[in-house]
């Protein structure tokens, strides 16, 4: 199966100022030499997905440098590739859907069987193959990864209303009154900003959006297509990755969009029994670069993206 992933890493991160005064949000340091973008990229390569584009726009210099030094050396450019994409027009992407539309021809040049559009600014571990398998079993046009969040915090997310089989019948972007999960009024299903698309459906949705002057998946496209297309919610709590310790929080996922949220996630990764353990050899976080101060050089990691790990399930064959 040929899979192409587009990672959306153009966020300005205004709520993280002054940290984002000179850096894009995904390029911000997180802990122990890792940057925020390293988590989504690690999930992709650990899942055997090795054709990856990173869409950037706001102050992209540090992000481009990090991808080139920490990630690109481990991709051979033939079977594995990673590349940063900037707006071709010189103007910022107008929204998440516009970022994909501007690169639609490039994506289609790979003739993929599936297209992933993932956010670059969250801290989590995820076996993406399990979401892909769910998508295929449901014969979905688009699948949205979802996580349960407290109802009073759901107003800051896209909220999905879904049936027992995961079929989404309503999507609301940052609703004032989020709809709770059936049977559990304390929580709502929030979009994680990770999407799996059938290529033909993605092209059709983007062309329709272009005609309607729509530019964003969460605000424009997903609320509209829920009534006409097979849209499904993938429950992130059902995702399993190897190597988690008993003291770790299962299905850990954090949106680090504010200074307080970033600090809290960093604290979760600290200590001898962290809620989120950065050192998991069975599902490692890649991209860590150590600067050699005495020589002024940067050493790239030695991992190879897309390699099958003996501890994980059979890898997905990608372009």
C-alpha atoms as a PDB file:
ATOM      1  CA  UNK A   1       0.000   0.000   0.000  1.00  0.00           C
ATOM      2  CA  UNK A   2       1.325   3.402  -0.997  1.00  0.00           C
ATOM      3  CA  UNK A   3       0.808   6.044   1.654  1.00  0.00           C
ATOM      4  CA  UNK A   4       1.787   9.703   1.472  1.00  0.00           C
ATOM      5  CA  UNK A   5       1.741  11.826   4.620  1.00  0.00           C
ATOM      6  CA  UNK A   6       1.474  15.598   4.733  1.00  0.00           C
ATOM      7  CA  UNK A   7       2.339  17.063   8.137  1.00  0.00           C
ATOM      8  CA  UNK A   8       0.895  20.528   8.729  1.00  0.00           C
ATOM      9  CA  UNK A   9       3.581  22.493  10.570  1.00  0.00           C
ATOM     10  CA  UNK A  10       2.808  26.078   9.669  1.00  0.00           C
ATOM     11  CA  UNK A  11       1.169  27.190  12.893  1.00  0.00           C
ATOM     12  CA  UNK A  12       2.156  30.569  14.283  1.00  0.00           C
ATOM     13  CA  UNK A  13       1.413  29.596  17.871  1.00  0.00           C
ATOM     14  CA  UNK A  14       0.472  33.056  19.124  1.00  0.00           C
ATOM     15  CA  UNK A  15      -0.527  31.684  22.553  1.00  0.00           C
ATOM     16  CA  UNK A  16       3.045  30.425  22.979  1.00  0.00           C
ATOM     17  CA  UNK A  17       4.602  33.859  22.602  1.00  0.00           C
ATOM     18  CA  UNK A  18       7.375  34.806  23.362  1.00  0.00           C
ATOM     19  CA  UNK A  19       8.660  31.280  22.600  1.00  0.00           C
ATOM     20  CA  UNK A  20       7.329  31.620  19.064  1.00  0.00           C
ATOM     21  CA  UNK A  21       8.828  35.047  18.469  1.00  0.00           C
ATOM     22  CA  UNK A  22      11.542  33.465  16.348  1.00  0.00           C
ATOM     23  CA  UNK A  23      10.356  29.886  15.816  1.00  0.00           C
ATOM     24  CA  UNK A  24       7.337  28.095  14.418  1.00  0.00           C
ATOM     25  CA  UNK A  25       5.361  26.248  17.084  1.00  0.00           C
ATOM     26  CA  UNK A  26       6.321  22.735  15.848  1.00  0.00           C
ATOM     27  CA  UNK A  27      10.022  23.661  15.935  1.00  0.00           C
ATOM     28  CA  UNK A  28       9.979  24.626  19.619  1.00  0.00           C
ATOM     29  CA  UNK A  29      12.160  22.501  21.915  1.00  0.00           C
ATOM     30  CA  UNK A  30      10.167  20.125  24.088  1.00  0.00           C
ATOM     31  CA  UNK A  31      12.556  18.173  26.303  1.00  0.00           C
ATOM     32  CA  UNK A  32      15.841  16.244  26.183  1.00  0.00           C
ATOM     33  CA  UNK A  33      16.796  17.500  22.751  1.00  0.00           C
ATOM     34  CA  UNK A  34      13.439  16.769  21.093  1.00  0.00           C
ATOM     35  CA  UNK A  35      11.255  19.289  19.314  1.00  0.00           C
ATOM     36  CA  UNK A  36       7.473  19.194  19.153  1.00  0.00           C
ATOM     37  CA  UNK A  37       7.438  18.104  15.495  1.00  0.00           C
ATOM     38  CA  UNK A  38       9.533  15.025  16.322  1.00  0.00           C
ATOM     39  CA  UNK A  39       6.553  13.256  17.879  1.00  0.00           C
ATOM     40  CA  UNK A  40       4.310  13.142  14.818  1.00  0.00           C
ATOM     41  CA  UNK A  41       7.256  12.321  12.559  1.00  0.00           C
ATOM     42  CA  UNK A  42       8.335   9.497  14.856  1.00  0.00           C
ATOM     43  CA  UNK A  43       4.818   8.056  14.860  1.00  0.00           C
ATOM     44  CA  UNK A  44       4.836   8.040  11.077  1.00  0.00           C
ATOM     45  CA  UNK A  45       8.238   6.409  10.582  1.00  0.00           C
ATOM     46  CA  UNK A  46       7.652   3.905  13.395  1.00  0.00           C
ATOM     47  CA  UNK A  47       4.486   2.941  11.511  1.00  0.00           C
ATOM     48  CA  UNK A  48       6.470   2.307   8.327  1.00  0.00           C
ATOM     49  CA  UNK A  49       5.272   5.471   6.554  1.00  0.00           C
ATOM     50  CA  UNK A  50       8.256   6.932   4.788  1.00  0.00           C
ATOM     51  CA  UNK A  51       7.016   9.382   2.164  1.00  0.00           C
ATOM     52  CA  UNK A  52       6.521  12.498   4.239  1.00  0.00           C
ATOM     53  CA  UNK A  53       6.035  16.148   3.367  1.00  0.00           C
ATOM     54  CA  UNK A  54       6.099  18.866   6.032  1.00  0.00           C
ATOM     55  CA  UNK A  55       4.137  22.008   5.153  1.00  0.00           C
ATOM     56  CA  UNK A  56       5.625  25.080   6.836  1.00  0.00           C
ATOM     57  CA  UNK A  57       5.126  28.823   6.572  1.00  0.00           C
ATOM     58  CA  UNK A  58       5.513  30.890   9.787  1.00  0.00           C
ATOM     59  CA  UNK A  59       9.195  31.609  10.547  1.00  0.00           C
ATOM     60  CA  UNK A  60      10.203  28.307   8.933  1.00  0.00           C
ATOM     61  CA  UNK A  61      13.996  28.661   9.189  1.00  0.00           C
ATOM     62  CA  UNK A  62      14.546  26.667  12.398  1.00  0.00           C
ATOM     63  CA  UNK A  63      12.039  24.017  11.331  1.00  0.00           C
ATOM     64  CA  UNK A  64      13.718  23.586   7.937  1.00  0.00           C
ATOM     65  CA  UNK A  65      17.133  23.375   9.595  1.00  0.00           C
ATOM     66  CA  UNK A  66      15.901  20.762  12.070  1.00  0.00           C
ATOM     67  CA  UNK A  67      14.346  18.578   9.355  1.00  0.00           C
ATOM     68  CA  UNK A  68      17.486  18.811   7.243  1.00  0.00           C
ATOM     69  CA  UNK A  69      19.884  17.999  10.084  1.00  0.00           C
ATOM     70  CA  UNK A  70      17.904  15.564  12.239  1.00  0.00           C
ATOM     71  CA  UNK A  71      15.657  13.794   9.740  1.00  0.00           C
ATOM     72  CA  UNK A  72      16.733  14.086   6.104  1.00  0.00           C
ATOM     73  CA  UNK A  73      20.078  12.249   6.540  1.00  0.00           C
ATOM     74  CA  UNK A  74      18.172   9.100   7.504  1.00  0.00           C
ATOM     75  CA  UNK A  75      15.977   9.151   4.384  1.00  0.00           C
ATOM     76  CA  UNK A  76      17.714   7.903   1.229  1.00  0.00           C
ATOM     77  CA  UNK A  77      15.568   9.907  -1.207  1.00  0.00           C
ATOM     78  CA  UNK A  78      14.489   6.821  -3.130  1.00  0.00           C
ATOM     79  CA  UNK A  79      12.320   4.502  -1.060  1.00  0.00           C
ATOM     80  CA  UNK A  80      12.232   7.010   1.794  1.00  0.00           C
ATOM     81  CA  UNK A  81      11.912  10.780   1.581  1.00  0.00           C
ATOM     82  CA  UNK A  82      11.087  13.763   3.745  1.00  0.00           C
ATOM     83  CA  UNK A  83      10.791  17.303   2.422  1.00  0.00           C
ATOM     84  CA  UNK A  84       9.651  20.673   3.717  1.00  0.00           C
ATOM     85  CA  UNK A  85       7.115  22.506   1.566  1.00  0.00           C
ATOM     86  CA  UNK A  86       6.591  26.265   1.682  1.00  0.00           C
ATOM     87  CA  UNK A  87       3.703  28.239   0.146  1.00  0.00           C
ATOM     88  CA  UNK A  88       4.405  28.494  -3.562  1.00  0.00           C
ATOM     89  CA  UNK A  89       2.746  31.856  -3.973  1.00  0.00           C
ATOM     90  CA  UNK A  90       4.827  33.509  -1.276  1.00  0.00           C
ATOM     91  CA  UNK A  91       1.635  34.146   0.680  1.00  0.00           C
ATOM     92  CA  UNK A  92       0.670  32.141   3.792  1.00  0.00           C
ATOM     93  CA  UNK A  93      -1.607  29.138   3.535  1.00  0.00           C
ATOM     94  CA  UNK A  94      -5.123  30.340   4.238  1.00  0.00           C
ATOM     95  CA  UNK A  95      -6.003  27.236   6.242  1.00  0.00           C
ATOM     96  CA  UNK A  96      -5.348  23.532   6.615  1.00  0.00           C
ATOM     97  CA  UNK A  97      -7.302  22.592   3.499  1.00  0.00           C
ATOM     98  CA  UNK A  98      -5.634  25.324   1.456  1.00  0.00           C
ATOM     99  CA  UNK A  99      -2.211  23.980   2.489  1.00  0.00           C
ATOM    100  CA  UNK A 100      -3.148  20.550   1.116  1.00  0.00           C
ATOM    101  CA  UNK A 101      -4.785  21.976  -2.004  1.00  0.00           C
ATOM    102  CA  UNK A 102      -1.646  23.915  -2.910  1.00  0.00           C
ATOM    103  CA  UNK A 103       0.286  20.630  -2.825  1.00  0.00           C
ATOM    104  CA  UNK A 104      -2.384  18.351  -4.259  1.00  0.00           C
ATOM    105  CA  UNK A 105      -0.597  17.726  -7.557  1.00  0.00           C
ATOM    106  CA  UNK A 106       2.590  16.792  -5.725  1.00  0.00           C
ATOM    107  CA  UNK A 107       0.686  14.331  -3.556  1.00  0.00           C
ATOM    108  CA  UNK A 108      -1.083  12.840  -6.561  1.00  0.00           C
ATOM    109  CA  UNK A 109       2.217  12.377  -8.404  1.00  0.00           C
ATOM    110  CA  UNK A 110       2.909   9.469  -6.041  1.00  0.00           C
ATOM    111  CA  UNK A 111      -0.369   7.742  -7.019  1.00  0.00           C
ATOM    112  CA  UNK A 112      -1.058   6.944  -3.366  1.00  0.00           C
ATOM    113  CA  UNK A 113      -3.610   4.468  -2.098  1.00  0.00           C
ATOM    114  CA  UNK A 114      -4.139   6.665   0.944  1.00  0.00           C
ATOM    115  CA  UNK A 115      -3.258  10.192   2.056  1.00  0.00           C
ATOM    116  CA  UNK A 116      -2.564  11.173   5.655  1.00  0.00           C
ATOM    117  CA  UNK A 117      -2.901  14.776   6.804  1.00  0.00           C
ATOM    118  CA  UNK A 118      -1.525  15.105  10.321  1.00  0.00           C
ATOM    119  CA  UNK A 119      -1.004  18.015  12.709  1.00  0.00           C
ATOM    120  CA  UNK A 120       2.558  18.750  13.845  1.00  0.00           C
ATOM    121  CA  UNK A 121       2.033  20.251  17.275  1.00  0.00           C
ATOM    122  CA  UNK A 122       0.899  17.526  19.663  1.00  0.00           C
ATOM    123  CA  UNK A 123       2.709  15.239  22.107  1.00  0.00           C
ATOM    124  CA  UNK A 124       1.695  11.564  21.840  1.00  0.00           C
ATOM    125  CA  UNK A 125       2.583   8.074  20.614  1.00  0.00           C
ATOM    126  CA  UNK A 126       0.402   6.439  17.976  1.00  0.00           C
ATOM    127  CA  UNK A 127       0.622   3.384  15.756  1.00  0.00           C
ATOM    128  CA  UNK A 128      -0.809   4.968  12.623  1.00  0.00           C
ATOM    129  CA  UNK A 129      -1.252   1.556  10.987  1.00  0.00           C
ATOM    130  CA  UNK A 130      -4.115   0.812  13.372  1.00  0.00           C
ATOM    131  CA  UNK A 131      -5.946   3.959  12.287  1.00  0.00           C
ATOM    132  CA  UNK A 132      -5.333   3.063   8.634  1.00  0.00           C
ATOM    133  CA  UNK A 133      -6.710  -0.443   9.230  1.00  0.00           C
ATOM    134  CA  UNK A 134      -9.826   1.025  10.901  1.00  0.00           C
ATOM    135  CA  UNK A 135     -10.287   3.360   7.924  1.00  0.00           C
ATOM    136  CA  UNK A 136     -10.079   0.484   5.453  1.00  0.00           C
ATOM    137  CA  UNK A 137     -12.480  -1.754   7.396  1.00  0.00           C
ATOM    138  CA  UNK A 138     -15.083   1.005   7.404  1.00  0.00           C
ATOM    139  CA  UNK A 139     -14.542   1.827   3.703  1.00  0.00           C
ATOM    140  CA  UNK A 140     -14.377   5.423   4.847  1.00  0.00           C
ATOM    141  CA  UNK A 141     -13.813   8.480   2.675  1.00  0.00           C
ATOM    142  CA  UNK A 142     -12.135  10.224   5.611  1.00  0.00           C
ATOM    143  CA  UNK A 143     -11.278   9.109   9.124  1.00  0.00           C
ATOM    144  CA  UNK A 144     -10.586  11.562  11.952  1.00  0.00           C
ATOM    145  CA  UNK A 145      -8.629  10.513  15.027  1.00  0.00           C
ATOM    146  CA  UNK A 146     -10.519  11.517  18.163  1.00  0.00           C
ATOM    147  CA  UNK A 147      -9.750  11.695  21.862  1.00  0.00           C
ATOM    148  CA  UNK A 148     -12.083  12.141  24.808  1.00  0.00           C
ATOM    149  CA  UNK A 149     -11.587  15.484  26.565  1.00  0.00           C
ATOM    150  CA  UNK A 150     -13.501  17.024  29.488  1.00  0.00           C
ATOM    151  CA  UNK A 151     -16.621  18.741  28.253  1.00  0.00           C
ATOM    152  CA  UNK A 152     -15.596  22.144  29.619  1.00  0.00           C
ATOM    153  CA  UNK A 153     -12.357  22.000  27.602  1.00  0.00           C
ATOM    154  CA  UNK A 154     -13.895  20.732  24.371  1.00  0.00           C
ATOM    155  CA  UNK A 155     -14.850  24.242  23.261  1.00  0.00           C
ATOM    156  CA  UNK A 156     -11.297  24.730  21.998  1.00  0.00           C
ATOM    157  CA  UNK A 157     -11.417  21.740  19.628  1.00  0.00           C
ATOM    158  CA  UNK A 158     -13.305  20.332  16.707  1.00  0.00           C
ATOM    159  CA  UNK A 159     -15.967  18.106  18.299  1.00  0.00           C
ATOM    160  CA  UNK A 160     -17.275  14.939  16.648  1.00  0.00           C
ATOM    161  CA  UNK A 161     -20.641  13.336  17.236  1.00  0.00           C
ATOM    162  CA  UNK A 162     -20.525   9.676  16.209  1.00  0.00           C
ATOM    163  CA  UNK A 163     -22.544   6.497  16.433  1.00  0.00           C
ATOM    164  CA  UNK A 164     -21.472   3.246  18.062  1.00  0.00           C
ATOM    165  CA  UNK A 165     -19.752   2.154  14.832  1.00  0.00           C
ATOM    166  CA  UNK A 166     -17.760   5.404  14.667  1.00  0.00           C
ATOM    167  CA  UNK A 167     -19.777   6.960  11.829  1.00  0.00           C
ATOM    168  CA  UNK A 168     -19.682  10.741  12.280  1.00  0.00           C
ATOM    169  CA  UNK A 169     -22.990  12.521  11.781  1.00  0.00           C
ATOM    170  CA  UNK A 170     -21.892  15.948  12.993  1.00  0.00           C
ATOM    171  CA  UNK A 171     -18.637  17.886  13.237  1.00  0.00           C
ATOM    172  CA  UNK A 172     -18.519  21.240  15.021  1.00  0.00           C
ATOM    173  CA  UNK A 173     -15.422  23.437  15.128  1.00  0.00           C
ATOM    174  CA  UNK A 174     -14.946  24.966  18.591  1.00  0.00           C
ATOM    175  CA  UNK A 175     -18.641  24.832  19.551  1.00  0.00           C
ATOM    176  CA  UNK A 176     -19.969  26.924  22.405  1.00  0.00           C
ATOM    177  CA  UNK A 177     -21.952  23.927  23.654  1.00  0.00           C
ATOM    178  CA  UNK A 178     -20.052  20.730  22.781  1.00  0.00           C
ATOM    179  CA  UNK A 179     -22.110  17.580  22.356  1.00  0.00           C
ATOM    180  CA  UNK A 180     -21.063  14.965  24.944  1.00  0.00           C
ATOM    181  CA  UNK A 181     -20.164  11.368  24.230  1.00  0.00           C
ATOM    182  CA  UNK A 182     -23.324   9.229  24.394  1.00  0.00           C
ATOM    183  CA  UNK A 183     -23.492   7.631  27.824  1.00  0.00           C
ATOM    184  CA  UNK A 184     -20.750   9.834  29.293  1.00  0.00           C
ATOM    185  CA  UNK A 185     -21.870  13.458  29.661  1.00  0.00           C
ATOM    186  CA  UNK A 186     -18.534  14.461  31.237  1.00  0.00           C
ATOM    187  CA  UNK A 187     -16.563  14.144  27.993  1.00  0.00           C
ATOM    188  CA  UNK A 188     -16.705  15.007  24.300  1.00  0.00           C
ATOM    189  CA  UNK A 189     -14.812  13.556  21.349  1.00  0.00           C
ATOM    190  CA  UNK A 190     -12.234  16.091  20.184  1.00  0.00           C
ATOM    191  CA  UNK A 191     -10.472  15.945  16.854  1.00  0.00           C
ATOM    192  CA  UNK A 192      -6.715  15.397  17.134  1.00  0.00           C
ATOM    193  CA  UNK A 193      -6.182  17.076  13.756  1.00  0.00           C
ATOM    194  CA  UNK A 194      -5.113  13.768  12.165  1.00  0.00           C
ATOM    195  CA  UNK A 195      -6.954  12.646   9.036  1.00  0.00           C
ATOM    196  CA  UNK A 196      -6.842   9.632   6.728  1.00  0.00           C
ATOM    197  CA  UNK A 197      -8.262  10.293   3.254  1.00  0.00           C
ATOM    198  CA  UNK A 198      -9.106   8.231   0.242  1.00  0.00           C
ATOM    199  CA  UNK A 199      -7.221  10.121  -2.510  1.00  0.00           C
ATOM    200  CA  UNK A 200     -10.222  10.507  -4.821  1.00  0.00           C
ATOM    201  CA  UNK A 201     -12.399  11.771  -1.973  1.00  0.00           C
ATOM    202  CA  UNK A 202      -9.704  14.209  -0.870  1.00  0.00           C
ATOM    203  CA  UNK A 203      -9.374  15.662  -4.368  1.00  0.00           C
ATOM    204  CA  UNK A 204     -13.135  16.009  -4.733  1.00  0.00           C
ATOM    205  CA  UNK A 205     -13.529  17.655  -1.324  1.00  0.00           C
ATOM    206  CA  UNK A 206     -10.722  20.119  -2.007  1.00  0.00           C
ATOM    207  CA  UNK A 207     -12.074  21.076  -5.433  1.00  0.00           C
ATOM    208  CA  UNK A 208     -15.534  21.591  -3.960  1.00  0.00           C
ATOM    209  CA  UNK A 209     -13.994  23.661  -1.189  1.00  0.00           C
ATOM    210  CA  UNK A 210     -12.147  25.770  -3.738  1.00  0.00           C
ATOM    211  CA  UNK A 211     -15.423  26.579  -5.502  1.00  0.00           C
ATOM    212  CA  UNK A 212     -17.000  27.493  -2.161  1.00  0.00           C
ATOM    213  CA  UNK A 213     -14.016  29.580  -0.989  1.00  0.00           C
ATOM    214  CA  UNK A 214     -13.498  27.164   1.896  1.00  0.00           C
ATOM    215  CA  UNK A 215      -9.959  26.874   3.241  1.00  0.00           C
ATOM    216  CA  UNK A 216     -10.045  24.788   6.441  1.00  0.00           C
ATOM    217  CA  UNK A 217     -10.881  21.153   7.169  1.00  0.00           C
ATOM    218  CA  UNK A 218     -12.248  21.667  10.669  1.00  0.00           C
ATOM    219  CA  UNK A 219     -14.128  24.890  10.108  1.00  0.00           C
ATOM    220  CA  UNK A 220     -15.392  24.314   6.564  1.00  0.00           C
ATOM    221  CA  UNK A 221     -15.050  20.890   4.953  1.00  0.00           C
ATOM    222  CA  UNK A 222     -15.691  18.314   7.684  1.00  0.00           C
ATOM    223  CA  UNK A 223     -18.927  19.919   8.982  1.00  0.00           C
ATOM    224  CA  UNK A 224     -20.270  19.878   5.418  1.00  0.00           C
ATOM    225  CA  UNK A 225     -19.225  16.399   4.213  1.00  0.00           C
ATOM    226  CA  UNK A 226     -20.506  14.540   7.286  1.00  0.00           C
ATOM    227  CA  UNK A 227     -23.934  14.412   5.680  1.00  0.00           C
ATOM    228  CA  UNK A 228     -22.762  13.245   2.263  1.00  0.00           C
ATOM    229  CA  UNK A 229     -19.611  11.155   2.758  1.00  0.00           C
ATOM    230  CA  UNK A 230     -18.492   8.242   4.878  1.00  0.00           C
ATOM    231  CA  UNK A 231     -16.747  10.096   7.716  1.00  0.00           C
ATOM    232  CA  UNK A 232     -15.580   8.040  10.693  1.00  0.00           C
ATOM    233  CA  UNK A 233     -14.037   8.786  14.074  1.00  0.00           C
ATOM    234  CA  UNK A 234     -11.109   6.641  15.175  1.00  0.00           C
ATOM    235  CA  UNK A 235     -11.058   6.369  18.966  1.00  0.00           C
ATOM    236  CA  UNK A 236      -7.454   7.050  19.982  1.00  0.00           C
ATOM    237  CA  UNK A 237      -7.959   5.255  23.304  1.00  0.00           C
ATOM    238  CA  UNK A 238      -8.051   1.987  21.356  1.00  0.00           C
ATOM    239  CA  UNK A 239      -4.600   2.551  19.863  1.00  0.00           C
ATOM    240  CA  UNK A 240      -1.840   0.394  21.314  1.00  0.00           C
ATOM    241  CA  UNK A 241       1.911   0.880  21.059  1.00  0.00           C
ATOM    242  CA  UNK A 242       4.487  -1.487  22.546  1.00  0.00           C
ATOM    243  CA  UNK A 243       6.833  -0.724  25.403  1.00  0.00           C
ATOM    244  CA  UNK A 244       4.582   1.371  27.657  1.00  0.00           C
ATOM    245  CA  UNK A 245       5.273   1.094  31.360  1.00  0.00           C
ATOM    246  CA  UNK A 246       2.591   0.453  33.980  1.00  0.00           C
ATOM    247  CA  UNK A 247       2.986   3.952  35.408  1.00  0.00           C
ATOM    248  CA  UNK A 248       2.431   5.712  32.078  1.00  0.00           C
ATOM    249  CA  UNK A 249      -0.871   7.242  31.068  1.00  0.00           C
ATOM    250  CA  UNK A 250      -2.513   5.129  28.376  1.00  0.00           C
ATOM    251  CA  UNK A 251      -3.432   6.986  25.177  1.00  0.00           C
ATOM    252  CA  UNK A 252      -1.466  10.038  26.295  1.00  0.00           C
ATOM    253  CA  UNK A 253      -2.144  13.022  24.004  1.00  0.00           C
ATOM    254  CA  UNK A 254      -1.621  16.690  24.708  1.00  0.00           C
ATOM    255  CA  UNK A 255      -2.288  19.803  22.666  1.00  0.00           C
ATOM    256  CA  UNK A 256       0.589  22.052  23.763  1.00  0.00           C
ATOM    257  CA  UNK A 257      -0.928  25.248  22.393  1.00  0.00           C
ATOM    258  CA  UNK A 258      -0.380  27.431  25.458  1.00  0.00           C
ATOM    259  CA  UNK A 259       2.561  28.120  27.739  1.00  0.00           C
ATOM    260  CA  UNK A 260       0.780  26.366  30.599  1.00  0.00           C
ATOM    261  CA  UNK A 261      -0.060  23.303  28.488  1.00  0.00           C
ATOM    262  CA  UNK A 262       3.504  23.060  27.196  1.00  0.00           C
ATOM    263  CA  UNK A 263       4.953  23.300  30.694  1.00  0.00           C
ATOM    264  CA  UNK A 264       2.520  20.659  31.976  1.00  0.00           C
ATOM    265  CA  UNK A 265       3.430  18.234  29.177  1.00  0.00           C
ATOM    266  CA  UNK A 266       7.112  18.792  29.828  1.00  0.00           C
ATOM    267  CA  UNK A 267       6.493  17.955  33.487  1.00  0.00           C
ATOM    268  CA  UNK A 268       4.620  14.803  32.418  1.00  0.00           C
ATOM    269  CA  UNK A 269       7.789  13.637  30.647  1.00  0.00           C
ATOM    270  CA  UNK A 270      10.045  14.262  33.659  1.00  0.00           C
ATOM    271  CA  UNK A 271      10.990  12.145  36.652  1.00  0.00           C
ATOM    272  CA  UNK A 272      11.705   8.460  37.186  1.00  0.00           C
ATOM    273  CA  UNK A 273       8.075   7.406  36.644  1.00  0.00           C
ATOM    274  CA  UNK A 274       6.866   9.870  33.989  1.00  0.00           C
ATOM    275  CA  UNK A 275       3.307   9.981  32.788  1.00  0.00           C
ATOM    276  CA  UNK A 276       4.767  10.079  29.258  1.00  0.00           C
ATOM    277  CA  UNK A 277       8.081   8.247  28.980  1.00  0.00           C
ATOM    278  CA  UNK A 278      10.409   9.679  26.337  1.00  0.00           C
ATOM    279  CA  UNK A 279      12.680   6.621  26.468  1.00  0.00           C
ATOM    280  CA  UNK A 280      10.731   3.756  24.928  1.00  0.00           C
ATOM    281  CA  UNK A 281      13.045   1.583  22.791  1.00  0.00           C
ATOM    282  CA  UNK A 282      10.090  -0.296  21.317  1.00  0.00           C
ATOM    283  CA  UNK A 283       8.436   2.913  20.051  1.00  0.00           C
ATOM    284  CA  UNK A 284      11.256   5.480  20.102  1.00  0.00           C
ATOM    285  CA  UNK A 285      11.062   9.194  19.547  1.00  0.00           C
ATOM    286  CA  UNK A 286      13.484  10.041  16.745  1.00  0.00           C
ATOM    287  CA  UNK A 287      14.947  13.362  15.689  1.00  0.00           C
ATOM    288  CA  UNK A 288      17.058  14.117  18.723  1.00  0.00           C
ATOM    289  CA  UNK A 289      20.214  15.978  17.685  1.00  0.00           C
ATOM    290  CA  UNK A 290      23.100  16.617  20.020  1.00  0.00           C
ATOM    291  CA  UNK A 291      25.094  19.731  19.372  1.00  0.00           C
ATOM    292  CA  UNK A 292      28.840  19.252  19.781  1.00  0.00           C
ATOM    293  CA  UNK A 293      29.741  22.555  21.401  1.00  0.00           C
ATOM    294  CA  UNK A 294      33.469  22.094  21.197  1.00  0.00           C
ATOM    295  CA  UNK A 295      33.373  21.468  17.433  1.00  0.00           C
ATOM    296  CA  UNK A 296      30.279  23.438  16.505  1.00  0.00           C
ATOM    297  CA  UNK A 297      28.885  20.435  14.630  1.00  0.00           C
ATOM    298  CA  UNK A 298      25.601  18.569  14.670  1.00  0.00           C
ATOM    299  CA  UNK A 299      25.444  14.797  14.638  1.00  0.00           C
ATOM    300  CA  UNK A 300      22.492  13.121  12.946  1.00  0.00           C
ATOM    301  CA  UNK A 301      20.840  10.067  14.488  1.00  0.00           C
ATOM    302  CA  UNK A 302      21.579   6.641  13.069  1.00  0.00           C
ATOM    303  CA  UNK A 303      18.030   5.243  12.826  1.00  0.00           C
ATOM    304  CA  UNK A 304      16.519   4.415   9.456  1.00  0.00           C
ATOM    305  CA  UNK A 305      12.943   5.583   8.820  1.00  0.00           C
ATOM    306  CA  UNK A 306      10.486   2.903   7.802  1.00  0.00           C
ATOM    307  CA  UNK A 307      12.566   0.002   9.114  1.00  0.00           C
ATOM    308  CA  UNK A 308      10.521  -2.818  10.516  1.00  0.00           C
ATOM    309  CA  UNK A 309      10.868  -3.194  14.273  1.00  0.00           C
ATOM    310  CA  UNK A 310      10.781  -6.757  15.549  1.00  0.00           C
ATOM    311  CA  UNK A 311       8.521  -5.678  18.407  1.00  0.00           C
ATOM    312  CA  UNK A 312       5.803  -4.180  16.201  1.00  0.00           C
ATOM    313  CA  UNK A 313       3.323  -5.595  13.742  1.00  0.00           C
ATOM    314  CA  UNK A 314       4.107  -6.031  10.062  1.00  0.00           C
ATOM    315  CA  UNK A 315       4.952  -2.680   8.527  1.00  0.00           C
ATOM    316  CA  UNK A 316       2.850  -0.991   5.850  1.00  0.00           C
ATOM    317  CA  UNK A 317       4.485  -0.914   2.423  1.00  0.00           C
ATOM    318  CA  UNK A 318       4.746   2.712   1.386  1.00  0.00           C
ATOM    319  CA  UNK A 319       5.878   4.666  -1.618  1.00  0.00           C
END
